[in-house]
Amino acid sequence: MVDNSVYSFAYQVENGVPIISFYDDPKDEELKHLMCYLTTLANCQDVRVENQKAFELDKIGLDVQPDEQMIVEEKKQQSVM
């Protein structure tokens, strides 16, 4: 899962790949970095191990409760409308 919000993959944090938000910056190269990272993952046994090494997301303490997750998802849906 690739997302600019860690809460999007809070229940499976070891499978998540965080990415910086895009705000119409012509010099943005985040997708190039993502492409390089995903290419390296193609040859690994377990992406969770590589994600842990690269991002250490387990250290940020995502204690998302089901109700909080629902609120986060609702806000994301509202912002799309």
N, C-alpha and C. Protein backbone atom coordinates (compact mmCIF):
# COMPACT_ATOMS: atom_id res chain seq x y z
N MET A 1 0.84 -1.17 0.00
CA MET A 1 0.00 0.00 0.00
C MET A 1 0.89 1.24 0.00
N VAL A 2 0.62 2.12 -0.89
CA VAL A 2 1.35 3.38 -0.98
C VAL A 2 0.36 4.50 -0.70
N ASP A 3 0.71 5.36 0.27
CA ASP A 3 -0.20 6.45 0.61
C ASP A 3 0.57 7.56 1.30
N ASN A 4 0.05 8.77 1.20
CA ASN A 4 0.67 9.90 1.88
C ASN A 4 0.20 10.02 3.33
N SER A 5 -0.73 9.19 3.73
CA SER A 5 -1.22 9.18 5.11
C SER A 5 -0.95 7.81 5.73
N VAL A 6 -0.13 7.79 6.74
CA VAL A 6 0.22 6.53 7.40
C VAL A 6 -1.01 5.86 7.98
N TYR A 7 -2.01 6.64 8.36
CA TYR A 7 -3.22 6.07 8.92
C TYR A 7 -3.96 5.18 7.92
N SER A 8 -3.70 5.38 6.65
CA SER A 8 -4.36 4.56 5.63
C SER A 8 -3.96 3.10 5.71
N PHE A 9 -2.77 2.84 6.21
CA PHE A 9 -2.33 1.46 6.37
C PHE A 9 -1.95 1.15 7.81
N ALA A 10 -2.60 1.82 8.75
CA ALA A 10 -2.27 1.68 10.17
C ALA A 10 -2.45 0.25 10.68
N TYR A 11 -3.40 -0.48 10.14
CA TYR A 11 -3.63 -1.84 10.62
C TYR A 11 -2.67 -2.84 9.98
N GLN A 12 -1.97 -2.43 8.93
CA GLN A 12 -0.98 -3.28 8.28
C GLN A 12 0.26 -2.43 8.00
N VAL A 13 0.76 -1.80 9.02
CA VAL A 13 1.83 -0.82 8.86
C VAL A 13 3.07 -1.42 8.19
N GLU A 14 3.32 -2.70 8.39
CA GLU A 14 4.51 -3.31 7.80
C GLU A 14 4.38 -3.46 6.28
N ASN A 15 3.19 -3.34 5.76
CA ASN A 15 2.97 -3.43 4.31
C ASN A 15 2.91 -2.07 3.64
N GLY A 16 2.97 -1.01 4.42
CA GLY A 16 2.79 0.33 3.88
C GLY A 16 4.07 0.98 3.42
N VAL A 17 3.94 1.78 2.37
CA VAL A 17 5.04 2.59 1.85
C VAL A 17 4.56 4.04 1.87
N PRO A 18 5.10 4.84 2.80
CA PRO A 18 4.66 6.24 2.87
C PRO A 18 5.25 7.04 1.71
N ILE A 19 4.50 8.02 1.28
CA ILE A 19 4.95 8.90 0.20
C ILE A 19 4.56 10.33 0.55
N ILE A 20 5.37 11.27 0.13
CA ILE A 20 5.09 12.68 0.40
C ILE A 20 3.96 13.15 -0.52
N SER A 21 3.09 13.97 0.01
CA SER A 21 1.96 14.50 -0.76
C SER A 21 2.44 15.32 -1.95
N PHE A 22 1.65 15.30 -3.00
CA PHE A 22 1.94 16.09 -4.20
C PHE A 22 1.02 17.31 -4.23
N TYR A 23 1.63 18.47 -4.40
CA TYR A 23 0.85 19.71 -4.45
C TYR A 23 1.24 20.55 -5.66
N ASP A 24 1.13 19.99 -6.84
CA ASP A 24 1.35 20.72 -8.07
C ASP A 24 2.75 21.36 -8.13
N ASP A 25 3.76 20.59 -7.78
CA ASP A 25 5.14 21.05 -7.83
C ASP A 25 5.83 20.41 -9.02
N PRO A 26 6.15 21.18 -10.05
CA PRO A 26 6.77 20.60 -11.24
C PRO A 26 8.14 19.97 -10.97
N LYS A 27 8.76 20.31 -9.85
CA LYS A 27 10.06 19.75 -9.51
C LYS A 27 9.94 18.50 -8.62
N ASP A 28 8.73 18.10 -8.32
CA ASP A 28 8.50 16.94 -7.45
C ASP A 28 9.09 15.68 -8.09
N GLU A 29 9.84 14.94 -7.32
CA GLU A 29 10.46 13.70 -7.81
C GLU A 29 10.10 12.50 -6.96
N GLU A 30 9.06 12.63 -6.16
CA GLU A 30 8.68 11.56 -5.24
C GLU A 30 8.34 10.27 -5.98
N LEU A 31 7.66 10.36 -7.09
CA LEU A 31 7.31 9.14 -7.83
C LEU A 31 8.55 8.45 -8.40
N LYS A 32 9.57 9.21 -8.75
CA LYS A 32 10.83 8.61 -9.20
C LYS A 32 11.47 7.82 -8.07
N HIS A 33 11.45 8.39 -6.87
CA HIS A 33 12.01 7.70 -5.71
C HIS A 33 11.20 6.44 -5.41
N LEU A 34 9.89 6.57 -5.51
CA LEU A 34 9.02 5.42 -5.27
C LEU A 34 9.30 4.31 -6.27
N MET A 35 9.47 4.68 -7.52
CA MET A 35 9.75 3.69 -8.55
C MET A 35 11.05 2.93 -8.25
N CYS A 36 12.07 3.63 -7.83
CA CYS A 36 13.34 2.98 -7.47
C CYS A 36 13.15 2.04 -6.29
N TYR A 37 12.41 2.50 -5.29
CA TYR A 37 12.18 1.66 -4.10
C TYR A 37 11.38 0.41 -4.47
N LEU A 38 10.33 0.57 -5.24
CA LEU A 38 9.52 -0.59 -5.63
C LEU A 38 10.31 -1.56 -6.49
N THR A 39 11.22 -1.06 -7.29
CA THR A 39 12.08 -1.93 -8.09
C THR A 39 12.96 -2.79 -7.20
N THR A 40 13.47 -2.21 -6.12
CA THR A 40 14.29 -3.01 -5.20
C THR A 40 13.45 -4.05 -4.47
N LEU A 41 12.19 -3.72 -4.21
CA LEU A 41 11.32 -4.68 -3.53
C LEU A 41 11.00 -5.89 -4.40
N ALA A 42 11.08 -5.72 -5.70
CA ALA A 42 10.74 -6.81 -6.62
C ALA A 42 11.65 -8.02 -6.42
N ASN A 43 12.84 -7.81 -5.91
CA ASN A 43 13.81 -8.90 -5.74
C ASN A 43 13.96 -9.38 -4.31
N CYS A 44 13.15 -8.90 -3.40
CA CYS A 44 13.29 -9.32 -2.00
C CYS A 44 12.29 -10.43 -1.66
N GLN A 45 12.61 -11.14 -0.61
CA GLN A 45 11.75 -12.24 -0.15
C GLN A 45 10.49 -11.74 0.54
N ASP A 46 10.64 -10.71 1.37
CA ASP A 46 9.53 -10.24 2.20
C ASP A 46 9.56 -8.71 2.26
N VAL A 47 8.59 -8.07 1.63
CA VAL A 47 8.58 -6.61 1.59
C VAL A 47 8.44 -6.00 2.98
N ARG A 48 7.84 -6.73 3.88
CA ARG A 48 7.66 -6.20 5.24
C ARG A 48 9.00 -5.96 5.92
N VAL A 49 9.94 -6.83 5.69
CA VAL A 49 11.28 -6.67 6.28
C VAL A 49 11.96 -5.43 5.70
N GLU A 50 11.88 -5.28 4.39
CA GLU A 50 12.50 -4.13 3.73
C GLU A 50 11.83 -2.82 4.13
N ASN A 51 10.50 -2.83 4.23
CA ASN A 51 9.78 -1.63 4.66
C ASN A 51 10.17 -1.25 6.08
N GLN A 52 10.33 -2.23 6.94
CA GLN A 52 10.74 -1.95 8.32
C GLN A 52 12.11 -1.29 8.34
N LYS A 53 13.04 -1.80 7.57
CA LYS A 53 14.38 -1.22 7.50
C LYS A 53 14.33 0.21 6.95
N ALA A 54 13.55 0.42 5.92
CA ALA A 54 13.53 1.71 5.24
C ALA A 54 12.76 2.79 6.00
N PHE A 55 11.65 2.42 6.63
CA PHE A 55 10.75 3.44 7.18
C PHE A 55 10.56 3.39 8.70
N GLU A 56 10.79 2.24 9.31
CA GLU A 56 10.64 2.08 10.77
C GLU A 56 9.29 2.60 11.27
N LEU A 57 8.24 2.31 10.55
CA LEU A 57 6.92 2.83 10.90
C LEU A 57 6.37 2.24 12.20
N ASP A 58 6.88 1.10 12.61
CA ASP A 58 6.40 0.50 13.86
C ASP A 58 6.79 1.35 15.06
N LYS A 59 7.73 2.26 14.89
CA LYS A 59 8.20 3.09 16.00
C LYS A 59 7.35 4.34 16.23
N ILE A 60 6.42 4.63 15.33
CA ILE A 60 5.66 5.87 15.50
C ILE A 60 4.42 5.69 16.36
N GLY A 61 4.09 4.47 16.73
CA GLY A 61 2.99 4.24 17.66
C GLY A 61 1.63 4.58 17.13
N LEU A 62 1.22 3.91 16.10
CA LEU A 62 -0.11 4.14 15.55
C LEU A 62 -1.14 3.34 16.34
N ASP A 63 -1.72 3.96 17.32
CA ASP A 63 -2.76 3.31 18.11
C ASP A 63 -4.12 3.76 17.61
N VAL A 64 -4.47 3.31 16.44
CA VAL A 64 -5.73 3.71 15.82
C VAL A 64 -6.82 2.74 16.25
N GLN A 65 -7.83 3.29 16.85
CA GLN A 65 -8.98 2.49 17.26
C GLN A 65 -9.97 2.44 16.10
N PRO A 66 -10.81 1.41 16.04
CA PRO A 66 -11.76 1.30 14.93
C PRO A 66 -12.59 2.56 14.70
N ASP A 67 -13.07 3.21 15.78
CA ASP A 67 -13.86 4.42 15.62
C ASP A 67 -13.04 5.55 15.00
N GLU A 68 -11.76 5.67 15.43
CA GLU A 68 -10.90 6.69 14.87
C GLU A 68 -10.62 6.42 13.40
N GLN A 69 -10.42 5.17 13.06
CA GLN A 69 -10.17 4.81 11.67
C GLN A 69 -11.37 5.16 10.80
N MET A 70 -12.56 4.92 11.31
CA MET A 70 -13.78 5.24 10.57
C MET A 70 -13.86 6.75 10.32
N ILE A 71 -13.51 7.55 11.32
CA ILE A 71 -13.53 9.00 11.19
C ILE A 71 -12.52 9.44 10.13
N VAL A 72 -11.33 8.85 10.17
CA VAL A 72 -10.30 9.18 9.18
C VAL A 72 -10.80 8.87 7.78
N GLU A 73 -11.39 7.70 7.59
CA GLU A 73 -11.90 7.31 6.27
C GLU A 73 -13.02 8.23 5.82
N GLU A 74 -13.92 8.61 6.72
CA GLU A 74 -15.01 9.51 6.36
C GLU A 74 -14.48 10.87 5.92
N LYS A 75 -13.47 11.38 6.63
CA LYS A 75 -12.89 12.67 6.27
C LYS A 75 -12.22 12.60 4.91
N LYS A 76 -11.57 11.47 4.61
CA LYS A 76 -10.93 11.31 3.31
C LYS A 76 -11.98 11.30 2.21
N GLN A 77 -13.08 10.62 2.44
CA GLN A 77 -14.15 10.56 1.44
C GLN A 77 -14.76 11.93 1.22
N GLN A 78 -14.96 12.68 2.30
CA GLN A 78 -15.54 14.02 2.18
C GLN A 78 -14.64 14.97 1.42
N SER A 79 -13.33 14.81 1.60
CA SER A 79 -12.40 15.71 0.90
C SER A 79 -12.35 15.43 -0.58
N VAL A 80 -12.75 14.22 -1.00
CA VAL A 80 -12.76 13.87 -2.41
C VAL A 80 -13.98 14.47 -3.10
N MET A 81 -15.08 14.61 -2.36
CA MET A 81 -16.34 15.11 -2.93
C MET A 81 -16.28 16.56 -3.27
